């Protein structure tokens, strides 16, 4: 009975000793490296337990593992026994637990922590803080955007913890906060030794579209692209390159923001001081096209001196054409100086002024009456545009197309591309207009007829048409219209239907209009004129003779 009791007591004590000595799963324990094989370290964690840990868990990012047989290390006990009968342990998790304790204290004390960037993730980078992994947002890497983070990878450096949540396992850190703090101290010291107007050496640190950042020994200054050279600079990389040491002048220092503006061109002679002497008004110079816009082209006369050729001064003939259709970038052109404004540093140039006005040349070489030939360029509702020499056009108005046809009818006979002949009738160099006439190429038979007829004369015409309002008649190929009221002195006889087509009728010419090429004709006027003539020849009605007697006498006289 006693022996049995003793055995039970011993077993209970043995079980109690196991419970006391065996560590709890999920805790950090100390162990000793007893062997290194197959890329793993075999660690004795006591309590008759061994476990394996990959050697990479003993290495810092970018460094070889630091572990040797006999080293005492802390590991995290995940399970007392795994499928192979070994303890499941992790050095990484042990470091993480240790790191979290250390980092929480540093966060509470607002102290910096050391870490190394080891990976890139969406929106930023991962940082190893000695066992705990933190997130470094891209905006917190540097004070300015970093294009290549390669040189920063694996490099041990200080970070500031911005946020951390142990329960969720989240840590957010900033490298920028450290840099800004140290830069602020350096900036204040460097700026205190700088003065506006001072020339200093600096190293180009970064290049952007609008300029370059230059390190002046702990503080950066901005060298704007417009202050790099007196000439036009399309991109800062034309003047400077990263890593290059350059001499700059301190243009302005903002004591509040600690911003420094730098310049290179200020250390060179300003070419504008002699612009008026070197480029007198109306002088012609060669230049290079540097930039083309919708409103003109910029031409460099010399480095630092550019002028604008406005689109209106580019060509005598190409009025509504983009400047890029007339000149091209880098093309060498001749220009005339039209205006200089030294205060605004502007030079107005002219391209067309270096060539003679084509309308003046045309006026000299084509006097009024000169016959020309050209292609129909355009057809409008008021006439034809004919292409002439030197890319200028002349216009044939509707009224100058034909002697015989109305303009609206005559223009139907023409098509774009037709080659036609015409006569120069007017050249206006101020308004840049050339008037042409096609009908002037031939004789105007109608005008010749009109020229042989005098007002008051009596002519014989042929009736060609009977209408309600009167009759149409023809005289030597020219047609005229006699209104109903002019058909007879007697109102009862003012009837168009008393005439027939082909009748010969004597009429009096009441009006001659060479411009409209029309004759005014009237039977009534002829009758009245004949009556007056008879009265004057055979006596007055006051003598007692009737008008019938007078006319009868006149007619008898005509028969005799």
Protein backbone atom coordinates (compact mmCIF):
# COMPACT_ATOMS: atom_id res chain seq x y z
CA UNK A 1 0.00 0.00 0.00
CA UNK A 2 2.85 2.30 0.87
CA UNK A 3 4.75 1.42 -2.33
CA UNK A 4 1.71 2.12 -4.39
CA UNK A 5 1.24 5.49 -2.73
CA UNK A 6 4.87 6.35 -3.30
CA UNK A 7 4.60 5.63 -7.05
CA UNK A 8 1.52 7.82 -7.41
CA UNK A 9 3.22 10.67 -5.54
CA UNK A 10 6.32 10.40 -7.76
CA UNK A 11 4.20 10.44 -10.94
CA UNK A 12 2.31 13.51 -9.73
CA UNK A 13 5.54 15.29 -8.90
CA UNK A 14 6.95 14.37 -12.33
CA UNK A 15 3.90 15.76 -14.10
CA UNK A 16 4.09 18.93 -12.02
CA UNK A 17 7.73 19.35 -12.99
CA UNK A 18 6.85 19.06 -16.73
CA UNK A 19 4.13 21.66 -16.35
CA UNK A 20 6.50 24.03 -14.58
CA UNK A 21 9.51 23.56 -16.87
CA UNK A 22 7.80 23.29 -20.31
CA UNK A 23 7.36 26.82 -21.72
CA UNK A 24 4.00 27.96 -23.12
CA UNK A 25 3.41 27.99 -26.81
CA UNK A 26 3.36 31.52 -28.24
CA UNK A 27 6.15 32.85 -26.01
CA UNK A 28 9.77 33.90 -26.59
CA UNK A 29 12.39 31.49 -25.21
CA UNK A 30 16.18 31.32 -25.19
CA UNK A 31 18.06 28.61 -27.04
CA UNK A 32 21.53 27.57 -28.12
CA UNK A 33 22.70 26.86 -31.69
CA UNK A 34 23.95 23.29 -31.67
CA UNK A 35 24.40 22.77 -35.42
CA UNK A 36 24.11 24.48 -38.83
CA UNK A 37 23.12 22.32 -41.77
CA UNK A 38 21.19 22.54 -45.07
CA UNK A 39 20.66 26.27 -44.71
CA UNK A 40 19.12 25.91 -41.26
CA UNK A 41 20.23 26.40 -37.68
CA UNK A 42 19.36 23.62 -35.20
CA UNK A 43 18.59 25.21 -31.86
CA UNK A 44 18.27 23.54 -28.45
CA UNK A 45 15.58 25.43 -26.55
CA UNK A 46 15.94 23.23 -23.47
CA UNK A 47 13.24 21.07 -21.99
CA UNK A 48 14.59 18.27 -24.20
CA UNK A 49 13.34 20.15 -27.27
CA UNK A 50 15.09 21.14 -30.47
CA UNK A 51 13.88 23.14 -33.43
CA UNK A 52 15.04 24.37 -36.83
CA UNK A 53 15.20 27.96 -38.15
CA UNK A 54 16.16 29.09 -41.69
CA UNK A 55 19.44 30.97 -41.68
CA UNK A 56 17.84 33.89 -43.56
CA UNK A 57 15.90 34.72 -40.40
CA UNK A 58 19.21 35.69 -38.79
CA UNK A 59 20.16 38.12 -41.56
CA UNK A 60 19.40 41.80 -41.90
CA UNK A 61 18.20 42.97 -45.36
CA UNK A 62 21.07 42.95 -47.82
CA UNK A 63 23.50 41.34 -45.33
CA UNK A 64 24.71 37.72 -44.75
CA UNK A 65 23.33 35.85 -41.72
CA UNK A 66 25.27 36.32 -38.46
CA UNK A 67 24.97 33.00 -36.63
CA UNK A 68 27.40 30.36 -35.40
CA UNK A 69 27.34 27.15 -33.36
CA UNK A 70 27.25 27.97 -29.66
CA UNK A 71 25.43 31.29 -30.10
CA UNK A 72 22.63 31.92 -27.69
CA UNK A 73 19.55 33.29 -29.38
CA UNK A 74 15.95 34.13 -28.59
CA UNK A 75 13.27 32.37 -30.63
CA UNK A 76 9.50 32.31 -30.68
CA UNK A 77 7.98 28.94 -29.66
CA UNK A 78 5.01 28.33 -31.92
CA UNK A 79 4.39 24.67 -31.04
CA UNK A 80 6.05 22.34 -28.57
CA UNK A 81 6.05 19.47 -31.05
CA UNK A 82 5.41 19.39 -34.78
CA UNK A 83 4.87 16.49 -37.17
CA UNK A 84 8.58 15.61 -37.03
CA UNK A 85 8.60 15.58 -33.25
CA UNK A 86 10.55 18.83 -33.11
CA UNK A 87 9.69 22.19 -31.61
CA UNK A 88 8.28 24.65 -34.14
CA UNK A 89 10.29 27.84 -33.54
CA UNK A 90 10.90 31.17 -35.34
CA UNK A 91 13.68 33.71 -34.93
CA UNK A 92 11.79 36.22 -37.04
CA UNK A 93 8.74 36.19 -34.79
CA UNK A 94 10.95 36.51 -31.73
CA UNK A 95 12.61 39.55 -33.26
CA UNK A 96 9.18 40.92 -34.13
CA UNK A 97 7.94 40.66 -30.55
CA UNK A 98 11.14 42.20 -29.30
CA UNK A 99 10.97 44.89 -31.93
CA UNK A 100 7.37 45.82 -31.15
CA UNK A 101 8.25 46.33 -27.49
CA UNK A 102 11.19 48.53 -28.48
CA UNK A 103 9.24 50.44 -31.15
CA UNK A 104 6.26 51.16 -28.90
CA UNK A 105 8.62 52.74 -26.39
CA UNK A 106 10.34 54.80 -29.13
CA UNK A 107 6.95 55.92 -30.49
CA UNK A 108 5.82 57.00 -27.03
CA UNK A 109 9.09 58.91 -26.49
CA UNK A 110 8.99 60.36 -30.08
CA UNK A 111 12.44 58.92 -30.73
CA UNK A 112 13.93 57.94 -34.09
CA UNK A 113 14.29 54.26 -34.97
CA UNK A 114 16.77 52.58 -37.27
CA UNK A 115 15.70 50.48 -40.21
CA UNK A 116 16.38 49.53 -43.82
CA UNK A 117 14.17 49.72 -46.92
CA UNK A 118 13.99 46.21 -48.37
CA UNK A 119 10.98 46.06 -50.70
CA UNK A 120 8.63 48.01 -52.94
CA UNK A 121 4.84 47.81 -52.57
CA UNK A 122 1.89 49.71 -53.99
CA UNK A 123 2.11 53.32 -52.86
CA UNK A 124 5.49 53.05 -51.18
CA UNK A 125 8.09 50.72 -49.64
CA UNK A 126 8.56 48.16 -46.84
CA UNK A 127 11.06 48.87 -44.07
CA UNK A 128 12.67 46.36 -41.68
CA UNK A 129 12.85 47.96 -38.22
CA UNK A 130 14.89 45.19 -36.65
CA UNK A 131 12.22 42.51 -36.79
CA UNK A 132 9.03 44.48 -37.40
CA UNK A 133 7.98 45.46 -40.92
CA UNK A 134 6.75 49.03 -41.46
CA UNK A 135 5.20 50.84 -44.42
CA UNK A 136 7.01 53.85 -45.88
CA UNK A 137 4.64 55.89 -48.12
CA UNK A 138 6.18 57.19 -51.34
CA UNK A 139 5.54 60.77 -50.24
CA UNK A 140 7.59 60.19 -47.08
CA UNK A 141 10.77 58.94 -48.75
CA UNK A 142 12.33 62.34 -49.40
CA UNK A 143 11.53 66.04 -49.34
CA UNK A 144 11.10 65.83 -53.14
CA UNK A 145 9.84 62.99 -55.35
CA UNK A 146 12.45 60.27 -55.79
CA UNK A 147 12.66 58.81 -59.30
CA UNK A 148 15.15 56.04 -58.41
CA UNK A 149 15.00 54.55 -54.93
CA UNK A 150 17.66 51.94 -55.76
CA UNK A 151 20.50 53.65 -53.83
CA UNK A 152 18.31 53.74 -50.70
CA UNK A 153 17.51 50.01 -50.66
CA UNK A 154 19.14 47.99 -47.85
CA UNK A 155 20.80 51.06 -46.37
CA UNK A 156 20.52 51.42 -42.59
CA UNK A 157 19.12 54.84 -41.78
CA UNK A 158 16.89 56.57 -39.24
CA UNK A 159 13.09 56.80 -39.54
CA UNK A 160 10.35 58.56 -37.61
CA UNK A 161 7.28 56.51 -36.58
CA UNK A 162 4.13 58.31 -37.67
CA UNK A 163 1.52 55.71 -36.62
CA UNK A 164 1.48 52.20 -35.18
CA UNK A 165 -1.18 49.66 -34.18
CA UNK A 166 0.16 46.46 -32.57
CA UNK A 167 -3.18 44.70 -32.64
CA UNK A 168 -3.42 45.10 -36.42
CA UNK A 169 0.32 44.85 -36.95
CA UNK A 170 0.51 48.22 -38.74
CA UNK A 171 3.43 50.65 -38.57
CA UNK A 172 3.84 53.75 -40.77
CA UNK A 173 7.22 55.51 -40.83
CA UNK A 174 8.76 58.58 -42.48
CA UNK A 175 12.24 59.23 -43.77
CA UNK A 176 11.24 62.69 -44.97
CA UNK A 177 10.57 63.94 -41.42
CA UNK A 178 14.16 63.11 -40.46
CA UNK A 179 15.56 64.84 -43.55
CA UNK A 180 13.43 67.94 -43.06
CA UNK A 181 14.54 68.27 -39.48
CA UNK A 182 18.22 67.97 -40.30
CA UNK A 183 17.87 70.08 -43.42
CA UNK A 184 16.13 72.81 -41.47
CA UNK A 185 19.15 73.07 -39.16
CA UNK A 186 21.61 73.02 -42.08
CA UNK A 187 19.48 75.42 -44.12
CA UNK A 188 19.36 78.00 -41.33
CA UNK A 189 23.15 77.85 -40.92
CA UNK A 190 23.90 78.03 -44.68
CA UNK A 191 21.34 80.77 -45.36
CA UNK A 192 22.81 82.87 -42.59
CA UNK A 193 26.09 82.96 -44.58
CA UNK A 194 24.47 83.82 -47.94
CA UNK A 195 23.65 87.29 -49.28
CA UNK A 196 21.67 88.36 -52.35
CA UNK A 197 23.95 89.08 -55.28
CA UNK A 198 26.63 86.71 -54.02
CA UNK A 199 28.24 84.31 -56.51
CA UNK A 200 28.61 80.75 -55.16
CA UNK A 201 29.42 77.26 -56.40
CA UNK A 202 26.79 74.56 -56.24
CA UNK A 203 26.13 71.01 -57.40
CA UNK A 204 23.13 70.22 -59.60
CA UNK A 205 21.04 67.82 -57.55
CA UNK A 206 17.86 67.43 -59.58
CA UNK A 207 16.46 68.62 -62.92
CA UNK A 208 12.78 69.32 -63.64
CA UNK A 209 10.86 70.77 -66.56
CA UNK A 210 11.00 74.26 -65.04
CA UNK A 211 14.57 74.36 -63.72
CA UNK A 212 17.25 72.68 -61.61
CA UNK A 213 17.78 72.29 -57.87
CA UNK A 214 21.31 73.18 -56.85
CA UNK A 215 22.91 72.03 -53.57
CA UNK A 216 24.77 74.95 -52.01
CA UNK A 217 26.25 72.85 -49.22
CA UNK A 218 23.32 71.60 -47.19
CA UNK A 219 20.63 73.80 -48.66
CA UNK A 220 19.03 73.70 -52.11
CA UNK A 221 18.33 76.67 -54.33
CA UNK A 222 16.14 76.75 -57.44
CA UNK A 223 17.78 77.75 -60.70
CA UNK A 224 14.77 78.55 -62.88
CA UNK A 225 15.02 77.76 -66.58
CA UNK A 226 14.49 81.45 -67.46
CA UNK A 227 17.55 82.38 -65.39
CA UNK A 228 19.91 79.86 -66.96
CA UNK A 229 20.82 81.85 -70.06
CA UNK A 230 19.85 85.02 -71.89
CA UNK A 231 18.77 82.89 -74.85
CA UNK A 232 15.66 80.70 -75.00
CA UNK A 233 16.18 77.38 -73.19
CA UNK A 234 13.66 74.68 -74.09
CA UNK A 235 14.74 72.32 -71.31
CA UNK A 236 17.18 72.76 -68.39
CA UNK A 237 19.14 69.68 -69.50
CA UNK A 238 20.45 71.80 -72.43
CA UNK A 239 22.46 73.86 -69.93
CA UNK A 240 23.19 71.69 -66.86
CA UNK A 241 23.42 68.02 -65.90
CA UNK A 242 22.95 66.19 -62.59
CA UNK A 243 26.14 66.11 -60.53
CA UNK A 244 27.71 69.05 -62.38
CA UNK A 245 29.32 71.83 -60.34
CA UNK A 246 28.21 75.26 -61.55
CA UNK A 247 28.67 78.88 -60.51
CA UNK A 248 25.45 80.72 -59.73
CA UNK A 249 24.35 84.03 -58.30
CA UNK A 250 21.99 84.30 -55.35
CA UNK A 251 19.08 86.34 -56.73
CA UNK A 252 16.70 86.26 -53.79
CA UNK A 253 16.48 84.73 -50.30
CA UNK A 254 13.11 84.33 -48.60
CA UNK A 255 13.91 84.45 -44.89
CA UNK A 256 10.51 83.05 -43.89
CA UNK A 257 10.29 80.07 -46.23
CA UNK A 258 14.08 79.66 -46.60
CA UNK A 259 13.68 79.48 -50.35
CA UNK A 260 16.63 80.57 -52.47
CA UNK A 261 16.37 81.71 -56.09
CA UNK A 262 19.49 81.34 -58.21
CA UNK A 263 20.64 82.56 -61.61
CA UNK A 264 23.39 81.79 -64.11
CA UNK A 265 22.73 84.40 -66.77
CA UNK A 266 23.16 87.18 -64.20
CA UNK A 267 26.90 86.38 -64.20
CA UNK A 268 27.06 87.03 -67.98
CA UNK A 269 26.76 90.24 -70.03
CA UNK A 270 23.19 91.19 -70.93
CA UNK A 271 22.96 91.29 -74.76
CA UNK A 272 19.97 93.65 -74.55
CA UNK A 273 22.18 96.56 -73.53
CA UNK A 274 23.28 96.97 -77.16
CA UNK A 275 20.20 95.80 -79.05
CA UNK A 276 19.17 99.22 -80.37
CA UNK A 277 22.69 99.90 -81.67
CA UNK A 278 23.12 96.47 -83.21
CA UNK A 279 19.66 96.22 -84.77
CA UNK A 280 18.46 99.59 -86.15
CA UNK A 281 14.88 99.92 -87.36
CA UNK A 282 14.30 98.70 -90.94
CA UNK A 283 17.63 96.85 -90.96
CA UNK A 284 17.66 93.29 -92.31
CA UNK A 285 19.35 90.43 -90.44
CA UNK A 286 19.62 86.67 -90.56
CA UNK A 287 18.16 84.68 -87.70
CA UNK A 288 17.13 81.17 -86.67
CA UNK A 289 13.53 80.13 -86.01
CA UNK A 290 13.40 78.86 -82.40
CA UNK A 291 9.69 78.45 -81.75
CA UNK A 292 6.44 78.48 -83.72
CA UNK A 293 3.05 79.41 -82.26
CA UNK A 294 -0.44 80.09 -83.62
CA UNK A 295 0.26 83.83 -83.62
CA UNK A 296 3.72 83.85 -85.18
CA UNK A 297 7.30 82.60 -85.04
CA UNK A 298 10.17 83.52 -82.72
CA UNK A 299 13.48 84.20 -84.42
CA UNK A 300 16.80 84.30 -82.56
CA UNK A 301 19.00 87.14 -83.82
CA UNK A 302 21.81 86.20 -81.42
CA UNK A 303 22.01 84.21 -78.17
CA UNK A 304 19.72 86.03 -75.75
CA UNK A 305 17.99 88.23 -78.31
CA UNK A 306 14.79 86.93 -79.86
CA UNK A 307 12.16 88.70 -81.90
CA UNK A 308 8.62 87.82 -82.87
CA UNK A 309 7.48 87.67 -86.47
CA UNK A 310 3.73 88.13 -86.08
CA UNK A 311 1.59 86.01 -88.39
CA UNK A 312 0.44 89.19 -90.15
CA UNK A 313 4.07 90.01 -91.05
CA UNK A 314 5.00 86.60 -92.44
CA UNK A 315 3.72 86.67 -96.01
CA UNK A 316 2.22 89.13 -98.45
CA UNK A 317 -0.12 86.55 -99.89
CA UNK A 318 -0.71 83.76 -97.32
CA UNK A 319 -3.11 85.53 -94.98
CA UNK A 320 -4.91 82.74 -93.14
CA UNK A 321 -2.15 80.13 -92.97
CA UNK A 322 -0.56 78.74 -89.79
CA UNK A 323 3.02 80.03 -89.35
CA UNK A 324 4.22 76.42 -89.39
CA UNK A 325 3.22 76.22 -93.06
CA UNK A 326 5.53 79.13 -93.91
CA UNK A 327 8.63 78.48 -91.75
CA UNK A 328 9.99 75.56 -89.74
CA UNK A 329 11.90 75.30 -86.46
CA UNK A 330 15.69 75.78 -86.81
CA UNK A 331 15.25 77.30 -90.29
CA UNK A 332 17.49 80.26 -91.06
CA UNK A 333 15.52 83.26 -92.36
CA UNK A 334 16.03 86.90 -93.24
CA UNK A 335 13.95 89.35 -91.21
CA UNK A 336 13.52 93.12 -90.95
CA UNK A 337 13.50 94.96 -87.61
CA UNK A 338 10.12 96.74 -87.32
CA UNK A 339 10.07 97.83 -83.67
CA UNK A 340 12.21 97.57 -80.52
CA UNK A 341 10.95 97.90 -76.93
CA UNK A 342 13.98 97.64 -74.66
CA UNK A 343 11.90 98.09 -71.50
CA UNK A 344 9.82 95.01 -72.32
CA UNK A 345 12.75 93.34 -74.08
CA UNK A 346 10.74 92.82 -77.26
CA UNK A 347 11.71 93.02 -80.90
CA UNK A 348 9.06 93.00 -83.61
CA UNK A 349 10.29 91.48 -86.85
CA UNK A 350 8.92 91.18 -90.36
CA UNK A 351 9.51 88.36 -92.81
CA UNK A 352 7.50 89.67 -95.75
CA UNK A 353 9.27 93.06 -95.60
CA UNK A 354 12.45 91.43 -96.88
CA UNK A 355 10.61 90.79 -100.16
CA UNK A 356 8.95 93.33 -102.46
CA UNK A 357 5.21 93.85 -102.26
CA UNK A 358 3.92 91.61 -105.10
CA UNK A 359 1.07 94.04 -105.83
CA UNK A 360 3.56 96.86 -106.38
CA UNK A 361 5.63 94.60 -108.64
CA UNK A 362 2.50 93.64 -110.58
CA UNK A 363 1.46 97.29 -110.99
CA UNK A 364 4.89 98.11 -112.42
CA UNK A 365 5.00 95.18 -114.83
CA UNK A 366 1.31 95.12 -115.82
CA UNK A 367 -0.07 98.56 -116.70
CA UNK A 368 -3.82 99.06 -117.19
CA UNK A 369 -4.87 97.32 -120.39
CA UNK A 370 -2.25 94.54 -120.13
CA UNK A 371 -3.51 91.12 -121.12
CA UNK A 372 -2.85 88.34 -118.55
CA UNK A 373 -3.51 84.62 -118.36
CA UNK A 374 -4.24 82.55 -115.26
CA UNK A 375 -6.11 79.68 -113.68
CA UNK A 376 -9.56 80.07 -112.13
CA UNK A 377 -8.82 79.61 -108.40
CA UNK A 378 -12.25 80.28 -107.00
CA UNK A 379 -15.80 81.03 -108.15
CA UNK A 380 -18.01 83.21 -105.94
CA UNK A 381 -21.41 84.83 -106.22
CA UNK A 382 -19.81 88.10 -107.34
CA UNK A 383 -17.17 86.88 -109.76
CA UNK A 384 -14.07 84.82 -110.57
CA UNK A 385 -10.68 84.84 -108.83
CA UNK A 386 -7.80 84.28 -111.26
CA UNK A 387 -4.36 83.14 -110.09
CA UNK A 388 -1.53 85.44 -111.24
CA UNK A 389 2.25 85.59 -110.77
CA UNK A 390 3.81 85.59 -107.25
CA UNK A 391 0.80 83.88 -105.64
CA UNK A 392 -1.56 86.83 -106.03
CA UNK A 393 -5.11 86.78 -107.38
CA UNK A 394 -7.08 89.08 -109.63
CA UNK A 395 -10.86 89.32 -109.65
CA UNK A 396 -13.21 89.39 -112.64
CA UNK A 397 -16.51 90.87 -111.48
CA UNK A 398 -19.76 89.47 -112.86
CA UNK A 399 -20.24 92.63 -114.87
CA UNK A 400 -16.88 92.10 -116.58
CA UNK A 401 -17.51 88.57 -117.82
CA UNK A 402 -19.52 89.20 -121.02
CA UNK A 403 -20.95 91.97 -123.20
CA UNK A 404 -23.92 89.93 -124.29
CA UNK A 405 -24.91 87.87 -121.24
CA UNK A 406 -25.92 88.80 -117.75
CA UNK A 407 -23.12 88.05 -115.24
CA UNK A 408 -25.14 85.36 -113.45
CA UNK A 409 -25.54 83.55 -116.76
CA UNK A 410 -21.99 84.07 -118.03
CA UNK A 411 -20.35 82.71 -114.84
CA UNK A 412 -22.01 79.33 -115.42
CA UNK A 413 -19.59 78.76 -118.31
CA UNK A 414 -16.53 78.68 -116.00
CA UNK A 415 -15.07 75.96 -113.76
CA UNK A 416 -12.25 75.91 -111.19
CA UNK A 417 -9.00 75.06 -112.95
CA UNK A 418 -9.96 76.67 -116.24
CA UNK A 419 -7.16 78.74 -117.77
CA UNK A 420 -8.55 82.07 -118.96
CA UNK A 421 -7.30 85.34 -120.39
CA UNK A 422 -8.30 88.77 -119.13
CA UNK A 423 -7.33 92.43 -119.26
CA UNK A 424 -6.02 94.44 -116.28
CA UNK A 425 -8.48 97.24 -115.54
CA UNK A 426 -7.28 98.42 -112.08
CA UNK A 427 -4.49 97.75 -109.52
CA UNK A 428 -4.92 99.04 -105.93
CA UNK A 429 -1.65 98.34 -104.07
CA UNK A 430 -2.98 99.70 -100.76
CA UNK A 431 -6.02 97.43 -100.71
CA UNK A 432 -4.05 94.67 -102.48
CA UNK A 433 -6.68 94.37 -105.22
CA UNK A 434 -6.37 93.64 -108.91
CA UNK A 435 -9.44 94.07 -111.12
CA UNK A 436 -9.61 92.13 -114.37
CA UNK A 437 -12.04 92.02 -117.28
CA UNK A 438 -12.69 89.14 -119.64
CA UNK A 439 -15.21 90.98 -121.79
CA UNK A 440 -12.63 93.69 -122.50
CA UNK A 441 -10.75 91.17 -124.64
CA UNK A 442 -13.42 91.57 -127.39
CA UNK A 443 -15.09 94.55 -129.11
CA UNK A 444 -18.39 95.72 -127.68
CA UNK A 445 -20.69 95.89 -130.72
CA UNK A 446 -23.50 97.30 -128.61
CA UNK A 447 -21.34 100.18 -127.38
CA UNK A 448 -20.39 100.98 -130.96
CA UNK A 449 -24.08 101.08 -131.90
CA UNK A 450 -24.90 103.31 -128.95
CA UNK A 451 -21.98 105.55 -129.83
CA UNK A 452 -23.52 106.21 -133.27
CA UNK A 453 -26.91 107.26 -131.92
CA UNK A 454 -27.70 110.71 -130.56
CA UNK A 455 -30.44 111.75 -128.22
CA UNK A 456 -33.41 113.29 -130.13
CA UNK A 457 -32.71 111.40 -133.32
CA UNK A 458 -35.38 109.27 -135.00
CA UNK A 459 -34.47 105.67 -135.85
CA UNK A 460 -36.38 102.77 -137.33
CA UNK A 461 -36.71 99.66 -135.15
CA UNK A 462 -38.23 96.21 -135.66
CA UNK A 463 -40.82 94.82 -133.24
CA UNK A 464 -39.55 91.53 -131.77
CA UNK A 465 -42.06 90.86 -128.96
CA UNK A 466 -45.51 91.99 -127.79
CA UNK A 467 -46.06 92.16 -124.02
CA UNK A 468 -48.78 93.58 -121.71
CA UNK A 469 -46.54 96.41 -120.53
CA UNK A 470 -45.26 97.40 -123.95
CA UNK A 471 -43.26 96.08 -126.89
CA UNK A 472 -39.70 94.85 -127.33
CA UNK A 473 -37.86 96.22 -130.36
CA UNK A 474 -34.44 95.69 -131.94
CA UNK A 475 -32.04 98.15 -133.52
CA UNK A 476 -28.90 96.78 -135.21
CA UNK A 477 -28.70 93.80 -132.87
CA UNK A 478 -29.45 95.81 -129.70
CA UNK A 479 -32.77 95.29 -127.99
CA UNK A 480 -34.81 97.93 -126.16
CA UNK A 481 -38.25 98.07 -124.58
CA UNK A 482 -40.90 100.68 -125.25
CA UNK A 483 -43.39 101.03 -122.43
CA UNK A 484 -47.15 101.14 -123.06
CA UNK A 485 -47.30 104.86 -122.14
CA UNK A 486 -44.75 105.63 -124.89
CA UNK A 487 -46.58 103.76 -127.67
CA UNK A 488 -48.70 106.77 -128.74
CA UNK A 489 -49.61 110.32 -127.89
CA UNK A 490 -53.23 109.27 -128.07
CA UNK A 491 -54.13 107.25 -124.93
CA UNK A 492 -56.58 105.15 -126.96
CA UNK A 493 -53.73 104.07 -129.20
CA UNK A 494 -51.43 103.04 -126.36
CA UNK A 495 -52.23 99.39 -127.01
CA UNK A 496 -49.40 96.86 -127.58
CA UNK A 497 -51.76 94.62 -129.53
CA UNK A 498 -51.99 97.10 -132.39
CA UNK A 499 -48.44 96.04 -133.30
CA UNK A 500 -47.24 92.78 -134.75
CA UNK A 501 -43.83 91.07 -134.55
CA UNK A 502 -41.80 92.20 -137.55
CA UNK A 503 -43.43 95.65 -137.85
CA UNK A 504 -41.05 98.48 -138.66
CA UNK A 505 -41.65 101.48 -136.40
CA UNK A 506 -40.07 104.93 -136.30
CA UNK A 507 -39.14 105.97 -132.76
CA UNK A 508 -37.45 108.93 -131.14
CA UNK A 509 -34.31 108.36 -129.01
CA UNK A 510 -35.05 109.87 -125.58
CA UNK A 511 -31.98 108.63 -123.67
CA UNK A 512 -28.51 107.20 -124.43
CA UNK A 513 -26.76 105.38 -121.52
CA UNK A 514 -23.39 103.93 -122.61
CA UNK A 515 -22.71 102.55 -119.14
CA UNK A 516 -25.83 100.39 -119.02
CA UNK A 517 -25.68 99.95 -122.81
CA UNK A 518 -29.32 100.91 -123.15
CA UNK A 519 -31.34 103.27 -125.39
CA UNK A 520 -34.51 105.00 -124.25
CA UNK A 521 -37.08 104.93 -127.13
CA UNK A 522 -40.56 106.45 -127.53
CA UNK A 523 -43.17 106.62 -130.33
CA UNK A 524 -45.08 109.20 -128.31
CA UNK A 525 -42.04 111.48 -128.16
CA UNK A 526 -41.62 111.20 -131.93
CA UNK A 527 -45.23 112.19 -132.53
CA UNK A 528 -44.99 115.19 -130.19
CA UNK A 529 -41.73 116.28 -131.83
CA UNK A 530 -43.25 116.01 -135.30
CA UNK A 531 -46.24 118.05 -134.20
CA UNK A 532 -44.06 120.82 -132.84
CA UNK A 533 -42.02 120.84 -136.00
CA UNK A 534 -45.17 121.09 -138.17
CA UNK A 535 -46.57 123.92 -136.10
CA UNK A 536 -43.29 125.79 -136.32
CA UNK A 537 -43.13 125.33 -140.13
CA UNK A 538 -46.73 125.89 -141.25
CA UNK A 539 -48.08 128.36 -138.78
CA UNK A 540 -49.52 128.72 -135.38
CA UNK A 541 -52.90 127.56 -134.22
CA UNK A 542 -53.44 131.16 -133.10
CA UNK A 543 -53.81 132.20 -136.80
CA UNK A 544 -57.20 130.56 -136.97
CA UNK A 545 -55.98 127.43 -138.79
CA UNK A 546 -56.90 124.18 -137.09
CA UNK A 547 -54.27 121.68 -136.01
CA UNK A 548 -55.65 119.34 -138.68
CA UNK A 549 -55.09 121.98 -141.31
CA UNK A 550 -51.52 122.50 -140.17
CA UNK A 551 -50.74 118.79 -140.12
CA UNK A 552 -52.48 118.33 -143.49
CA UNK A 553 -50.32 121.06 -144.94
CA UNK A 554 -47.25 119.49 -143.42
CA UNK A 555 -48.12 116.12 -144.85
CA UNK A 556 -48.87 117.63 -148.28
CA UNK A 557 -45.51 119.35 -148.14
CA UNK A 558 -43.90 116.05 -147.42
CA UNK A 559 -45.68 114.50 -150.44
CA UNK A 560 -44.46 117.30 -152.71
